[in-house]
Every structure is written in structure tokens, then in C-alpha cells.
Protein backbone atom coordinates (compact mmCIF):
# COMPACT_ATOMS: atom_id res chain seq x y z
CA MET A 1 47.55 60.61 88.69
CA ARG A 2 45.54 59.97 91.78
CA ILE A 3 43.35 56.90 92.22
CA SER A 4 40.38 57.68 94.36
CA GLY A 5 38.30 55.13 96.14
CA MET A 6 41.20 52.76 96.85
CA ASN A 7 40.07 52.36 100.46
CA GLN A 8 36.58 51.35 99.30
CA ILE A 9 38.00 48.76 96.90
CA THR A 10 40.23 47.33 99.63
CA GLN A 11 37.32 47.17 102.05
CA ILE A 12 35.12 45.34 99.51
CA TYR A 13 37.94 42.90 98.74
CA ASN A 14 38.53 42.12 102.42
CA ASN A 15 34.81 41.59 103.04
CA SER A 16 34.48 39.16 100.14
CA MET A 17 37.32 36.88 101.27
CA VAL A 18 36.29 33.42 102.42
CA ARG A 19 36.56 32.98 106.14
CA PRO A 20 36.37 29.63 107.90
CA THR A 21 33.27 29.08 109.97
CA LYS A 22 33.24 27.68 113.43
CA SER A 23 31.39 24.43 113.82
CA GLU A 24 29.15 24.22 116.78
CA LYS A 25 28.79 20.89 118.49
CA LYS A 26 25.52 20.25 120.13
CA PRO A 27 25.89 18.41 123.40
CA GLY A 28 24.49 14.90 123.56
CA PHE A 29 24.33 14.39 119.80
CA SER A 30 26.57 12.00 117.94
CA ASP A 31 26.47 10.32 114.56
CA ALA A 32 25.94 6.58 114.48
CA LEU A 33 26.04 3.96 111.78
CA GLU A 34 24.62 0.46 112.05
CA ILE A 35 25.24 -2.14 109.37
CA SER A 36 22.56 -4.75 108.81
CA GLY A 37 23.19 -8.46 108.99
CA ALA A 38 22.53 -8.84 105.26
CA ALA A 39 25.15 -6.19 104.49
CA LYS A 40 27.68 -7.99 106.70
CA GLU A 41 26.98 -11.29 104.91
CA TYR A 42 27.34 -9.54 101.54
CA GLN A 43 30.70 -8.11 102.60
CA MET A 44 31.93 -11.54 103.73
CA ALA A 45 30.83 -13.13 100.43
CA LYS A 46 32.49 -10.34 98.46
CA GLN A 47 35.77 -10.88 100.32
CA ALA A 48 35.58 -14.65 99.74
CA VAL A 49 35.05 -14.17 96.00
CA SER A 50 37.83 -11.62 95.70
CA SER A 51 40.29 -13.91 97.50
CA ALA A 52 39.46 -16.92 95.26
CA PRO A 53 41.80 -17.45 92.32
CA ASP A 54 40.54 -16.54 88.85
CA ILE A 55 42.01 -19.69 87.28
CA ARG A 56 41.44 -23.16 88.69
CA GLU A 57 44.98 -24.48 88.43
CA ASP A 58 44.00 -28.10 89.16
CA VAL A 59 41.57 -28.22 86.21
CA VAL A 60 44.02 -26.49 83.89
CA ALA A 61 46.85 -28.85 84.87
CA ASN A 62 44.63 -31.90 84.23
CA ILE A 63 43.63 -30.67 80.75
CA LYS A 64 47.24 -29.79 79.89
CA ALA A 65 48.33 -33.27 80.86
CA GLN A 66 45.60 -34.82 78.70
CA ILE A 67 46.61 -32.66 75.73
CA ALA A 68 50.27 -33.56 76.22
CA ASP A 69 49.64 -37.32 76.21
CA GLY A 70 47.02 -37.13 73.42
CA SER A 71 44.07 -38.35 75.46
CA TYR A 72 42.13 -35.05 75.46
CA ASN A 73 39.06 -35.44 73.30
CA VAL A 74 36.13 -33.10 72.82
CA PRO A 75 33.02 -34.71 71.29
CA SER A 76 31.99 -33.10 68.01
CA SER A 77 28.41 -32.87 69.28
CA ALA A 78 29.58 -30.62 72.13
CA ILE A 79 31.34 -28.33 69.64
CA ALA A 80 28.24 -28.22 67.44
CA ASP A 81 26.00 -27.43 70.42
CA LYS A 82 28.24 -24.55 71.46
CA LEU A 83 28.34 -23.15 67.94
CA LEU A 84 24.56 -23.31 67.63
CA SER A 85 24.03 -21.61 70.98
CA GLN A 86 26.38 -18.80 69.92
CA VAL A 87 24.54 -18.35 66.61
CA GLU A 88 21.16 -18.33 68.35
CA ALA A 89 22.41 -15.65 70.76
CA LEU A 90 23.08 -13.33 67.84
């Protein structure tokens, strides 16, 4: 059995292959990026927040000490206010 047209198929296959393109650099043109002062301040604030601890150890230690010696007391009115604000949010 003879397959005819094999050269045509090979030629079509070779023409359809992806070839890398050459990038042309235009003389005197370069990309530039300038960051605004507000963006720089935002970045500094973001870094400061991310470096701050999530838990304030000094406050937690103080409350733990109060609980341990029995002097920690939460007024019932504060609990009631919190409960009411949660119900109103629903």
C-alpha cells in the first residue's frame, strides 16, 4: 500500500509548528514605574500591621492573673449590653 501526499502532510505540519519570534528593541525607549507617595505610605502601614502581634500578651497576662486570684469581674450590665447588641445585629 502506498500513501500518497506524505510530503504535503509533512510540509503542512512543519509550517504549523510554533516558532519563537524575535523581539525588537527600539532604541531610546525603556519602561519606567513610579510609585506615588500615598502608595509608599500604604506599603509602610501594611508592613507595620503585619509585623504587629495578633495577641496582646500584656493584656492577656493581666486578665489571666486576675482570673487566677479571683479578682476578675465583668459587670452584668456589660454582658447584657453585648447580648442585646448581638441580637439587634441579627
